[in-house]
PDB file of N, CA and C in Angstrom:
ATOM      1  N   MET A   1      -2.044  -8.787  15.507  1.00  0.00           N
ATOM      2  CA  MET A   1      -2.534  -7.463  15.348  1.00  0.00           C
ATOM      3  C   MET A   1      -2.884  -7.274  13.872  1.00  0.00           C
ATOM      4  N   ALA A   2      -4.050  -6.734  13.606  1.00  0.00           N
ATOM      5  CA  ALA A   2      -4.479  -6.483  12.226  1.00  0.00           C
ATOM      6  C   ALA A   2      -4.352  -4.996  11.916  1.00  0.00           C
ATOM      7  N   LEU A   3      -3.704  -4.688  10.799  1.00  0.00           N
ATOM      8  CA  LEU A   3      -3.556  -3.305  10.346  1.00  0.00           C
ATOM      9  C   LEU A   3      -4.339  -3.113   9.053  1.00  0.00           C
ATOM     10  N   GLY A   4      -4.690  -1.888   8.750  1.00  0.00           N
ATOM     11  CA  GLY A   4      -5.542  -1.593   7.607  1.00  0.00           C
ATOM     12  C   GLY A   4      -4.821  -1.229   6.326  1.00  0.00           C
ATOM     13  N   HIS A   5      -3.552  -1.575   6.210  1.00  0.00           N
ATOM     14  CA  HIS A   5      -2.837  -1.272   4.964  1.00  0.00           C
ATOM     15  C   HIS A   5      -3.509  -1.962   3.781  1.00  0.00           C
ATOM     16  N   ASN A   6      -3.576  -1.242   2.669  1.00  0.00           N
ATOM     17  CA  ASN A   6      -4.183  -1.791   1.463  1.00  0.00           C
ATOM     18  C   ASN A   6      -3.155  -1.858   0.332  1.00  0.00           C
ATOM     19  N   LYS A   7      -3.612  -2.289  -0.830  1.00  0.00           N
ATOM     20  CA  LYS A   7      -2.729  -2.463  -1.988  1.00  0.00           C
ATOM     21  C   LYS A   7      -2.047  -1.146  -2.373  1.00  0.00           C
ATOM     22  N   ASP A   8      -2.790  -0.045  -2.322  1.00  0.00           N
ATOM     23  CA  ASP A   8      -2.204   1.258  -2.648  1.00  0.00           C
ATOM     24  C   ASP A   8      -1.097   1.626  -1.665  1.00  0.00           C
ATOM     25  N   ASP A   9      -1.303   1.349  -0.375  1.00  0.00           N
ATOM     26  CA  ASP A   9      -0.274   1.633   0.634  1.00  0.00           C
ATOM     27  C   ASP A   9       1.009   0.867   0.336  1.00  0.00           C
ATOM     28  N   ALA A  10       0.870  -0.396  -0.041  1.00  0.00           N
ATOM     29  CA  ALA A  10       2.046  -1.223  -0.338  1.00  0.00           C
ATOM     30  C   ALA A  10       2.798  -0.689  -1.552  1.00  0.00           C
ATOM     31  N   ILE A  11       2.057  -0.280  -2.576  1.00  0.00           N
ATOM     32  CA  ILE A  11       2.676   0.264  -3.789  1.00  0.00           C
ATOM     33  C   ILE A  11       3.378   1.584  -3.481  1.00  0.00           C
ATOM     34  N   GLU A  12       2.715   2.450  -2.725  1.00  0.00           N
ATOM     35  CA  GLU A  12       3.317   3.740  -2.363  1.00  0.00           C
ATOM     36  C   GLU A  12       4.583   3.536  -1.544  1.00  0.00           C
ATOM     37  N   THR A  13       4.538   2.622  -0.586  1.00  0.00           N
ATOM     38  CA  THR A  13       5.713   2.345   0.239  1.00  0.00           C
ATOM     39  C   THR A  13       6.852   1.804  -0.612  1.00  0.00           C
ATOM     40  N   PHE A  14       6.522   0.942  -1.564  1.00  0.00           N
ATOM     41  CA  PHE A  14       7.523   0.400  -2.479  1.00  0.00           C
ATOM     42  C   PHE A  14       8.237   1.531  -3.226  1.00  0.00           C
ATOM     43  N   LEU A  15       7.465   2.455  -3.793  1.00  0.00           N
ATOM     44  CA  LEU A  15       8.061   3.559  -4.551  1.00  0.00           C
ATOM     45  C   LEU A  15       8.825   4.522  -3.645  1.00  0.00           C
ATOM     46  N   LEU A  16       8.338   4.745  -2.426  1.00  0.00           N
ATOM     47  CA  LEU A  16       9.061   5.597  -1.477  1.00  0.00           C
ATOM     48  C   LEU A  16      10.408   4.979  -1.108  1.00  0.00           C
ATOM     49  N   CYS A  17      10.426   3.673  -0.858  1.00  0.00           N
ATOM     50  CA  CYS A  17      11.684   2.983  -0.534  1.00  0.00           C
ATOM     51  C   CYS A  17      12.650   3.042  -1.713  1.00  0.00           C
ATOM     52  N   LEU A  18      12.132   2.867  -2.905  1.00  0.00           N
ATOM     53  CA  LEU A  18      12.973   2.928  -4.103  1.00  0.00           C
ATOM     54  C   LEU A  18      13.564   4.330  -4.268  1.00  0.00           C
ATOM     55  N   GLN A  19      12.727   5.341  -4.124  1.00  0.00           N
ATOM     56  CA  GLN A  19      13.164   6.712  -4.365  1.00  0.00           C
ATOM     57  C   GLN A  19      14.058   7.263  -3.258  1.00  0.00           C
ATOM     58  N   TYR A  20      13.729   6.987  -1.999  1.00  0.00           N
ATOM     59  CA  TYR A  20      14.441   7.634  -0.902  1.00  0.00           C
ATOM     60  C   TYR A  20      15.455   6.742  -0.189  1.00  0.00           C
ATOM     61  N   GLU A  21      15.354   5.427  -0.388  1.00  0.00           N
ATOM     62  CA  GLU A  21      16.295   4.510   0.260  1.00  0.00           C
ATOM     63  C   GLU A  21      17.119   3.722  -0.741  1.00  0.00           C
ATOM     64  N   GLY A  22      16.728   3.752  -2.005  1.00  0.00           N
ATOM     65  CA  GLY A  22      17.462   3.033  -3.034  1.00  0.00           C
ATOM     66  C   GLY A  22      17.370   1.527  -2.907  1.00  0.00           C
ATOM     67  N   ARG A  23      16.229   1.041  -2.400  1.00  0.00           N
ATOM     68  CA  ARG A  23      16.065  -0.410  -2.262  1.00  0.00           C
ATOM     69  C   ARG A  23      14.663  -0.825  -2.687  1.00  0.00           C
ATOM     70  N   LEU A  24      14.567  -2.075  -3.127  1.00  0.00           N
ATOM     71  CA  LEU A  24      13.282  -2.656  -3.502  1.00  0.00           C
ATOM     72  C   LEU A  24      12.684  -3.284  -2.252  1.00  0.00           C
ATOM     73  N   HIS A  25      11.703  -2.604  -1.656  1.00  0.00           N
ATOM     74  CA  HIS A  25      11.140  -3.078  -0.393  1.00  0.00           C
ATOM     75  C   HIS A  25       9.737  -2.498  -0.203  1.00  0.00           C
ATOM     76  N   THR A  26       8.911  -3.248   0.465  1.00  0.00           N
ATOM     77  CA  THR A  26       7.645  -2.781   1.010  1.00  0.00           C
ATOM     78  C   THR A  26       7.293  -3.736   2.143  1.00  0.00           C
ATOM     79  N   PHE A  27       6.293  -3.395   2.930  1.00  0.00           N
ATOM     80  CA  PHE A  27       5.900  -4.284   4.023  1.00  0.00           C
ATOM     81  C   PHE A  27       5.217  -5.525   3.467  1.00  0.00           C
ATOM     82  N   ALA A  28       5.246  -6.596   4.237  1.00  0.00           N
ATOM     83  CA  ALA A  28       4.670  -7.877   3.820  1.00  0.00           C
ATOM     84  C   ALA A  28       3.237  -8.016   4.341  1.00  0.00           C
ATOM     85  N   PRO A  29       2.433  -8.878   3.709  1.00  0.00           N
ATOM     86  CA  PRO A  29       1.069  -9.111   4.196  1.00  0.00           C
ATOM     87  C   PRO A  29       1.030  -9.648   5.627  1.00  0.00           C
ATOM     88  N   VAL A  30       2.027 -10.459   5.982  1.00  0.00           N
ATOM     89  CA  VAL A  30       2.130 -11.013   7.336  1.00  0.00           C
ATOM     90  C   VAL A  30       3.563 -10.796   7.810  1.00  0.00           C
ATOM     91  N   THR A  31       3.701 -10.247   9.010  1.00  0.00           N
ATOM     92  CA  THR A  31       5.021  -9.987   9.580  1.00  0.00           C
ATOM     93  C   THR A  31       5.035 -10.455  11.025  1.00  0.00           C
ATOM     94  N   TYR A  32       6.073 -11.178  11.394  1.00  0.00           N
ATOM     95  CA  TYR A  32       6.229 -11.595  12.785  1.00  0.00           C
ATOM     96  C   TYR A  32       7.255 -10.690  13.445  1.00  0.00           C
ATOM     97  N   LEU A  33       6.859 -10.039  14.542  1.00  0.00           N
ATOM     98  CA  LEU A  33       7.749  -9.163  15.299  1.00  0.00           C
ATOM     99  C   LEU A  33       8.253  -9.939  16.513  1.00  0.00           C
ATOM    100  N   SER A  34       9.430 -10.527  16.382  1.00  0.00           N
ATOM    101  CA  SER A  34       9.945 -11.431  17.416  1.00  0.00           C
ATOM    102  C   SER A  34      10.205 -10.720  18.738  1.00  0.00           C
ATOM    103  N   ARG A  35      10.633  -9.460  18.707  1.00  0.00           N
ATOM    104  CA  ARG A  35      10.925  -8.756  19.969  1.00  0.00           C
ATOM    105  C   ARG A  35       9.683  -8.575  20.824  1.00  0.00           C
ATOM    106  N   LYS A  36       8.525  -8.512  20.183  1.00  0.00           N
ATOM    107  CA  LYS A  36       7.261  -8.339  20.911  1.00  0.00           C
ATOM    108  C   LYS A  36       6.393  -9.590  20.868  1.00  0.00           C
ATOM    109  N   ASP A  37       6.844 -10.622  20.139  1.00  0.00           N
ATOM    110  CA  ASP A  37       6.093 -11.858  19.957  1.00  0.00           C
ATOM    111  C   ASP A  37       4.679 -11.565  19.427  1.00  0.00           C
ATOM    112  N   ILE A  38       4.638 -10.730  18.384  1.00  0.00           N
ATOM    113  CA  ILE A  38       3.369 -10.329  17.772  1.00  0.00           C
ATOM    114  C   ILE A  38       3.422 -10.646  16.276  1.00  0.00           C
ATOM    115  N   THR A  39       2.336 -11.198  15.779  1.00  0.00           N
ATOM    116  CA  THR A  39       2.189 -11.381  14.338  1.00  0.00           C
ATOM    117  C   THR A  39       1.273 -10.279  13.824  1.00  0.00           C
ATOM    118  N   VAL A  40       1.754  -9.543  12.840  1.00  0.00           N
ATOM    119  CA  VAL A  40       0.986  -8.462  12.226  1.00  0.00           C
ATOM    120  C   VAL A  40       0.420  -8.980  10.911  1.00  0.00           C
ATOM    121  N   ILE A  41      -0.886  -8.813  10.735  1.00  0.00           N
ATOM    122  CA  ILE A  41      -1.523  -9.192   9.468  1.00  0.00           C
ATOM    123  C   ILE A  41      -2.118  -7.936   8.828  1.00  0.00           C
ATOM    124  N   ARG A  42      -2.193  -7.969   7.529  1.00  0.00           N
ATOM    125  CA  ARG A  42      -2.778  -6.860   6.769  1.00  0.00           C
ATOM    126  C   ARG A  42      -3.863  -7.447   5.856  1.00  0.00           C
ATOM    127  N   PRO A  43      -5.065  -7.667   6.404  1.00  0.00           N
ATOM    128  CA  PRO A  43      -6.109  -8.367   5.648  1.00  0.00           C
ATOM    129  C   PRO A  43      -6.638  -7.602   4.432  1.00  0.00           C
ATOM    130  N   LEU A  44      -6.376  -6.308   4.342  1.00  0.00           N
ATOM    131  CA  LEU A  44      -6.870  -5.523   3.204  1.00  0.00           C
ATOM    132  C   LEU A  44      -5.819  -5.337   2.115  1.00  0.00           C
ATOM    133  N   ILE A  45      -4.686  -6.002   2.243  1.00  0.00           N
ATOM    134  CA  ILE A  45      -3.537  -5.780   1.365  1.00  0.00           C
ATOM    135  C   ILE A  45      -3.829  -6.076  -0.106  1.00  0.00           C
ATOM    136  N   TYR A  46      -4.779  -6.934  -0.391  1.00  0.00           N
ATOM    137  CA  TYR A  46      -5.084  -7.268  -1.781  1.00  0.00           C
ATOM    138  C   TYR A  46      -6.251  -6.447  -2.336  1.00  0.00           C
ATOM    139  N   SER A  47      -6.669  -5.415  -1.589  1.00  0.00           N
ATOM    140  CA  SER A  47      -7.761  -4.539  -2.030  1.00  0.00           C
ATOM    141  C   SER A  47      -7.234  -3.127  -2.263  1.00  0.00           C
ATOM    142  N   PHE A  48      -7.686  -2.509  -3.348  1.00  0.00           N
ATOM    143  CA  PHE A  48      -7.322  -1.120  -3.599  1.00  0.00           C
ATOM    144  C   PHE A  48      -8.116  -0.201  -2.675  1.00  0.00           C
ATOM    145  N   GLU A  49      -7.525   0.921  -2.317  1.00  0.00           N
ATOM    146  CA  GLU A  49      -8.163   1.902  -1.439  1.00  0.00           C
ATOM    147  C   GLU A  49      -9.522   2.334  -1.991  1.00  0.00           C
ATOM    148  N   GLN A  50      -9.606   2.546  -3.290  1.00  0.00           N
ATOM    149  CA  GLN A  50     -10.847   2.971  -3.938  1.00  0.00           C
ATOM    150  C   GLN A  50     -11.965   1.946  -3.716  1.00  0.00           C
ATOM    151  N   ASP A  51     -11.639   0.662  -3.773  1.00  0.00           N
ATOM    152  CA  ASP A  51     -12.637  -0.390  -3.557  1.00  0.00           C
ATOM    153  C   ASP A  51     -13.092  -0.420  -2.102  1.00  0.00           C
ATOM    154  N   ILE A  52     -12.167  -0.201  -1.187  1.00  0.00           N
ATOM    155  CA  ILE A  52     -12.503  -0.168   0.242  1.00  0.00           C
ATOM    156  C   ILE A  52     -13.411   1.022   0.527  1.00  0.00           C
ATOM    157  N   MET A  53     -13.085   2.171  -0.055  1.00  0.00           N
ATOM    158  CA  MET A  53     -13.905   3.367   0.149  1.00  0.00           C
ATOM    159  C   MET A  53     -15.308   3.181  -0.433  1.00  0.00           C
ATOM    160  N   ALA A  54     -15.403   2.529  -1.595  1.00  0.00           N
ATOM    161  CA  ALA A  54     -16.715   2.271  -2.206  1.00  0.00           C
ATOM    162  C   ALA A  54     -17.542   1.347  -1.315  1.00  0.00           C
ATOM    163  N   PHE A  55     -16.894   0.320  -0.759  1.00  0.00           N
ATOM    164  CA  PHE A  55     -17.602  -0.580   0.151  1.00  0.00           C
ATOM    165  C   PHE A  55     -18.086   0.185   1.378  1.00  0.00           C
ATOM    166  N   ASN A  56     -17.203   0.987   1.972  1.00  0.00           N
ATOM    167  CA  ASN A  56     -17.580   1.758   3.157  1.00  0.00           C
ATOM    168  C   ASN A  56     -18.780   2.654   2.878  1.00  0.00           C
ATOM    169  N   GLU A  57     -18.774   3.301   1.723  1.00  0.00           N
ATOM    170  CA  GLU A  57     -19.887   4.179   1.363  1.00  0.00           C
ATOM    171  C   GLU A  57     -21.184   3.384   1.233  1.00  0.00           C
ATOM    172  N   SER A  58     -21.123   2.232   0.566  1.00  0.00           N
ATOM    173  CA  SER A  58     -22.333   1.420   0.391  1.00  0.00           C
ATOM    174  C   SER A  58     -22.828   0.842   1.714  1.00  0.00           C
ATOM    175  N   ALA A  59     -21.911   0.662   2.662  1.00  0.00           N
ATOM    176  CA  ALA A  59     -22.280   0.119   3.973  1.00  0.00           C
ATOM    177  C   ALA A  59     -22.614   1.220   4.980  1.00  0.00           C
ATOM    178  N   GLY A  60     -22.515   2.482   4.548  1.00  0.00           N
ATOM    179  CA  GLY A  60     -22.830   3.591   5.448  1.00  0.00           C
ATOM    180  C   GLY A  60     -21.752   3.863   6.484  1.00  0.00           C
ATOM    181  N   ILE A  61     -20.530   3.455   6.199  1.00  0.00           N
ATOM    182  CA  ILE A  61     -19.411   3.675   7.120  1.00  0.00           C
ATOM    183  C   ILE A  61     -18.730   4.985   6.742  1.00  0.00           C
ATOM    184  N   THR A  62     -18.665   5.909   7.696  1.00  0.00           N
ATOM    185  CA  THR A  62     -18.038   7.203   7.453  1.00  0.00           C
ATOM    186  C   THR A  62     -16.566   7.135   7.829  1.00  0.00           C
ATOM    187  N   PRO A  63     -15.678   7.487   6.904  1.00  0.00           N
ATOM    188  CA  PRO A  63     -14.246   7.446   7.234  1.00  0.00           C
ATOM    189  C   PRO A  63     -13.880   8.532   8.241  1.00  0.00           C
ATOM    190  N   VAL A  64     -12.881   8.253   9.042  1.00  0.00           N
ATOM    191  CA  VAL A  64     -12.374   9.217  10.014  1.00  0.00           C
ATOM    192  C   VAL A  64     -11.407  10.141   9.280  1.00  0.00           C
ATOM    193  N   LYS A  65     -11.595  11.424   9.429  1.00  0.00           N
ATOM    194  CA  LYS A  65     -10.702  12.392   8.783  1.00  0.00           C
ATOM    195  C   LYS A  65      -9.417  12.512   9.593  1.00  0.00           C
ATOM    196  N   THR A  66      -8.296  12.630   8.878  1.00  0.00           N
ATOM    197  CA  THR A  66      -7.017  12.767   9.558  1.00  0.00           C
ATOM    198  C   THR A  66      -6.894  14.152  10.195  1.00  0.00           C
ATOM    199  N   LEU A  67      -6.259  14.195  11.345  1.00  0.00           N
ATOM    200  CA  LEU A  67      -6.005  15.458  12.025  1.00  0.00           C
ATOM    201  C   LEU A  67      -4.567  15.923  11.810  1.00  0.00           C
ATOM    202  N   CYS A  68      -3.812  15.165  11.036  1.00  0.00           N
ATOM    203  CA  CYS A  68      -2.405  15.476  10.811  1.00  0.00           C
ATOM    204  C   CYS A  68      -2.280  16.777  10.019  1.00  0.00           C
ATOM    205  N   PRO A  69      -1.551  17.765  10.553  1.00  0.00           N
ATOM    206  CA  PRO A  69      -1.406  19.034   9.839  1.00  0.00           C
ATOM    207  C   PRO A  69      -0.604  18.911   8.540  1.00  0.00           C
ATOM    208  N   ALA A  70       0.176  17.854   8.393  1.00  0.00           N
ATOM    209  CA  ALA A  70       0.983  17.657   7.185  1.00  0.00           C
ATOM    210  C   ALA A  70       0.232  16.879   6.108  1.00  0.00           C
ATOM    211  N   ALA A  71      -0.978  16.429   6.400  1.00  0.00           N
ATOM    212  CA  ALA A  71      -1.739  15.620   5.437  1.00  0.00           C
ATOM    213  C   ALA A  71      -1.866  16.361   4.111  1.00  0.00           C
ATOM    214  N   GLY A  72      -1.531  15.664   3.039  1.00  0.00           N
ATOM    215  CA  GLY A  72      -1.614  16.248   1.710  1.00  0.00           C
ATOM    216  C   GLY A  72      -0.354  16.963   1.265  1.00  0.00           C
ATOM    217  N   PHE A  73       0.619  17.100   2.171  1.00  0.00           N
ATOM    218  CA  PHE A  73       1.863  17.813   1.857  1.00  0.00           C
ATOM    219  C   PHE A  73       3.074  16.947   2.164  1.00  0.00           C
ATOM    220  N   THR A  74       2.994  15.676   1.832  1.00  0.00           N
ATOM    221  CA  THR A  74       4.051  14.733   2.192  1.00  0.00           C
ATOM    222  C   THR A  74       4.639  14.084   0.943  1.00  0.00           C
ATOM    223  N   HIS A  75       5.758  13.389   1.138  1.00  0.00           N
ATOM    224  CA  HIS A  75       6.336  12.609   0.041  1.00  0.00           C
ATOM    225  C   HIS A  75       5.330  11.560  -0.432  1.00  0.00           C
ATOM    226  N   ARG A  76       4.610  10.967   0.517  1.00  0.00           N
ATOM    227  CA  ARG A  76       3.619   9.950   0.149  1.00  0.00           C
ATOM    228  C   ARG A  76       2.538  10.558  -0.751  1.00  0.00           C
ATOM    229  N   GLN A  77       2.099  11.761  -0.457  1.00  0.00           N
ATOM    230  CA  GLN A  77       1.089  12.405  -1.292  1.00  0.00           C
ATOM    231  C   GLN A  77       1.620  12.646  -2.702  1.00  0.00           C
ATOM    232  N   ARG A  78       2.873  13.053  -2.809  1.00  0.00           N
ATOM    233  CA  ARG A  78       3.473  13.247  -4.136  1.00  0.00           C
ATOM    234  C   ARG A  78       3.546  11.927  -4.897  1.00  0.00           C
ATOM    235  N   ILE A  79       3.865  10.841  -4.181  1.00  0.00           N
ATOM    236  CA  ILE A  79       3.902   9.516  -4.812  1.00  0.00           C
ATOM    237  C   ILE A  79       2.499   9.121  -5.274  1.00  0.00           C
ATOM    238  N   LYS A  80       1.471   9.394  -4.447  1.00  0.00           N
ATOM    239  CA  LYS A  80       0.085   9.103  -4.835  1.00  0.00           C
ATOM    240  C   LYS A  80      -0.264   9.819  -6.146  1.00  0.00           C
ATOM    241  N   GLU A  81       0.121  11.083  -6.240  1.00  0.00           N
ATOM    242  CA  GLU A  81      -0.164  11.859  -7.446  1.00  0.00           C
ATOM    243  C   GLU A  81       0.598  11.299  -8.651  1.00  0.00           C
ATOM    244  N   TYR A  82       1.833  10.883  -8.431  1.00  0.00           N
ATOM    245  CA  TYR A  82       2.625  10.270  -9.500  1.00  0.00           C
ATOM    246  C   TYR A  82       1.941   8.991 -10.001  1.00  0.00           C
ATOM    247  N   ILE A  83       1.500   8.154  -9.073  1.00  0.00           N
ATOM    248  CA  ILE A  83       0.830   6.900  -9.434  1.00  0.00           C
ATOM    249  C   ILE A  83      -0.454   7.187 -10.214  1.00  0.00           C
ATOM    250  N   GLU A  84      -1.214   8.161  -9.749  1.00  0.00           N
ATOM    251  CA  GLU A  84      -2.457   8.523 -10.439  1.00  0.00           C
ATOM    252  C   GLU A  84      -2.163   8.986 -11.869  1.00  0.00           C
ATOM    253  N   ASN A  85      -1.140   9.805 -12.032  1.00  0.00           N
ATOM    254  CA  ASN A  85      -0.771  10.297 -13.360  1.00  0.00           C
ATOM    255  C   ASN A  85      -0.326   9.149 -14.268  1.00  0.00           C
ATOM    256  N   GLU A  86       0.554   8.296 -13.766  1.00  0.00           N
ATOM    257  CA  GLU A  86       1.042   7.174 -14.572  1.00  0.00           C
ATOM    258  C   GLU A  86      -0.080   6.197 -14.907  1.00  0.00           C
ATOM    259  N   SER A  87      -1.011   6.019 -13.980  1.00  0.00           N
ATOM    260  CA  SER A  87      -2.137   5.108 -14.213  1.00  0.00           C
ATOM    261  C   SER A  87      -3.067   5.628 -15.304  1.00  0.00           C
ATOM    262  N   SER A  88      -3.119   6.950 -15.468  1.00  0.00           N
ATOM    263  CA  SER A  88      -3.953   7.507 -16.539  1.00  0.00           C
ATOM    264  C   SER A  88      -3.332   7.225 -17.910  1.00  0.00           C
ATOM    265  N   ILE A  89      -2.015   7.044 -17.951  1.00  0.00           N
ATOM    266  CA  ILE A  89      -1.306   6.724 -19.189  1.00  0.00           C
ATOM    267  C   ILE A  89      -1.290   5.212 -19.419  1.00  0.00           C
ATOM    268  N   ASN A  90      -1.038   4.479 -18.342  1.00  0.00           N
ATOM    269  CA  ASN A  90      -0.951   3.012 -18.402  1.00  0.00           C
ATOM    270  C   ASN A  90      -1.894   2.426 -17.353  1.00  0.00           C
ATOM    271  N   PRO A  91      -3.073   1.968 -17.740  1.00  0.00           N
ATOM    272  CA  PRO A  91      -4.039   1.437 -16.778  1.00  0.00           C
ATOM    273  C   PRO A  91      -3.518   0.250 -15.959  1.00  0.00           C
ATOM    274  N   ASN A  92      -2.485  -0.434 -16.426  1.00  0.00           N
ATOM    275  CA  ASN A  92      -1.918  -1.573 -15.693  1.00  0.00           C
ATOM    276  C   ASN A  92      -0.781  -1.178 -14.758  1.00  0.00           C
ATOM    277  N   PHE A  93      -0.507   0.105 -14.623  1.00  0.00           N
ATOM    278  CA  PHE A  93       0.646   0.571 -13.853  1.00  0.00           C
ATOM    279  C   PHE A  93       0.647   0.023 -12.420  1.00  0.00           C
ATOM    280  N   LYS A  94      -0.451   0.221 -11.683  1.00  0.00           N
ATOM    281  CA  LYS A  94      -0.494  -0.245 -10.290  1.00  0.00           C
ATOM    282  C   LYS A  94      -0.453  -1.769 -10.215  1.00  0.00           C
ATOM    283  N   TYR A  95      -1.167  -2.413 -11.101  1.00  0.00           N
ATOM    284  CA  TYR A  95      -1.178  -3.877 -11.132  1.00  0.00           C
ATOM    285  C   TYR A  95       0.238  -4.413 -11.339  1.00  0.00           C
ATOM    286  N   ASN A  96       0.964  -3.834 -12.293  1.00  0.00           N
ATOM    287  CA  ASN A  96       2.325  -4.292 -12.578  1.00  0.00           C
ATOM    288  C   ASN A  96       3.277  -4.010 -11.421  1.00  0.00           C
ATOM    289  N   LEU A  97       3.134  -2.853 -10.782  1.00  0.00           N
ATOM    290  CA  LEU A  97       3.971  -2.564  -9.614  1.00  0.00           C
ATOM    291  C   LEU A  97       3.715  -3.588  -8.511  1.00  0.00           C
ATOM    292  N   PHE A  98       2.438  -3.879  -8.270  1.00  0.00           N
ATOM    293  CA  PHE A  98       2.098  -4.841  -7.219  1.00  0.00           C
ATOM    294  C   PHE A  98       2.664  -6.220  -7.542  1.00  0.00           C
ATOM    295  N   ARG A  99       2.552  -6.643  -8.790  1.00  0.00           N
ATOM    296  CA  ARG A  99       3.113  -7.941  -9.201  1.00  0.00           C
ATOM    297  C   ARG A  99       4.630  -7.974  -9.053  1.00  0.00           C
ATOM    298  N   SER A 100       5.271  -6.829  -9.188  1.00  0.00           N
ATOM    299  CA  SER A 100       6.736  -6.791  -9.110  1.00  0.00           C
ATOM    300  C   SER A 100       7.254  -7.196  -7.735  1.00  0.00           C
ATOM    301  N   PHE A 101       6.420  -7.131  -6.706  1.00  0.00           N
ATOM    302  CA  PHE A 101       6.869  -7.535  -5.367  1.00  0.00           C
ATOM    303  C   PHE A 101       7.346  -8.981  -5.377  1.00  0.00           C
ATOM    304  N   THR A 102       6.648  -9.840  -6.113  1.00  0.00           N
ATOM    305  CA  THR A 102       7.064 -11.244  -6.176  1.00  0.00           C
ATOM    306  C   THR A 102       8.210 -11.431  -7.155  1.00  0.00           C
ATOM    307  N   HIS A 103       8.183 -10.704  -8.250  1.00  0.00           N
ATOM    308  CA  HIS A 103       9.254 -10.844  -9.245  1.00  0.00           C
ATOM    309  C   HIS A 103      10.593 -10.354  -8.707  1.00  0.00           C
ATOM    310  N   ALA A 104      10.563  -9.379  -7.810  1.00  0.00           N
ATOM    311  CA  ALA A 104      11.793  -8.845  -7.221  1.00  0.00           C
ATOM    312  C   ALA A 104      12.189  -9.625  -5.963  1.00  0.00           C
ATOM    313  N   ASN A 105      11.440 -10.687  -5.655  1.00  0.00           N
ATOM    314  CA  ASN A 105      11.700 -11.508  -4.460  1.00  0.00           C
ATOM    315  C   ASN A 105      11.718 -10.687  -3.179  1.00  0.00           C
ATOM    316  N   ILE A 106      10.779  -9.769  -3.046  1.00  0.00           N
ATOM    317  CA  ILE A 106      10.673  -8.980  -1.823  1.00  0.00           C
ATOM    318  C   ILE A 106      10.189  -9.893  -0.708  1.00  0.00           C
ATOM    319  N   SER A 107      10.863  -9.823   0.410  1.00  0.00           N
ATOM    320  CA  SER A 107      10.594 -10.704   1.543  1.00  0.00           C
ATOM    321  C   SER A 107       9.121 -10.671   1.957  1.00  0.00           C
ATOM    322  N   GLY A 108       8.551 -11.858   2.138  1.00  0.00           N
ATOM    323  CA  GLY A 108       7.188 -11.986   2.620  1.00  0.00           C
ATOM    324  C   GLY A 108       6.129 -12.013   1.543  1.00  0.00           C
ATOM    325  N   TRP A 109       6.532 -11.877   0.282  1.00  0.00           N
ATOM    326  CA  TRP A 109       5.570 -11.869  -0.813  1.00  0.00           C
ATOM    327  C   TRP A 109       5.696 -13.130  -1.632  1.00  0.00           C
ATOM    328  N   LYS A 110       4.582 -13.812  -1.768  1.00  0.00           N
ATOM    329  CA  LYS A 110       4.508 -14.986  -2.630  1.00  0.00           C
ATOM    330  C   LYS A 110       3.837 -14.558  -3.928  1.00  0.00           C
ATOM    331  N   GLU A 111       3.788 -15.448  -4.883  1.00  0.00           N
ATOM    332  CA  GLU A 111       3.166 -15.135  -6.177  1.00  0.00           C
ATOM    333  C   GLU A 111       1.733 -14.644  -5.970  1.00  0.00           C
ATOM    334  N   VAL A 112       1.424 -13.507  -6.568  1.00  0.00           N
ATOM    335  CA  VAL A 112       0.079 -12.936  -6.489  1.00  0.00           C
ATOM    336  C   VAL A 112      -0.469 -12.780  -7.898  1.00  0.00           C
ATOM    337  N   LEU A 113      -1.764 -12.714  -7.991  1.00  0.00           N
ATOM    338  CA  LEU A 113      -2.397 -12.541  -9.309  1.00  0.00           C
ATOM    339  C   LEU A 113      -2.394 -11.090  -9.707  1.00  0.00           C
TER     340      LEU A 113
END
């Protein structure tokens, strides 16, 4: 099964797990679900959301708008805003967070550039 998680999703999940669960964790690019005998892949994991959106726009692909009434009012949205703010101060902020997945030996992550 292929899911559309991207680099920003992985970083946000990492910070959410750190803040609300007190652990260094995020989902892996490839996950095997033994109970269902399914391998989950995330082919967009090494792409930032902004790059995916730019590609979609150039290809004429219109994104589907969320119908979730909580959209924009979630812990994840607050984390997105935090990342955006920190990135304006330190342009390498997201890059360094993403690299930390391998440095922290998070399961399923190998050395990334």
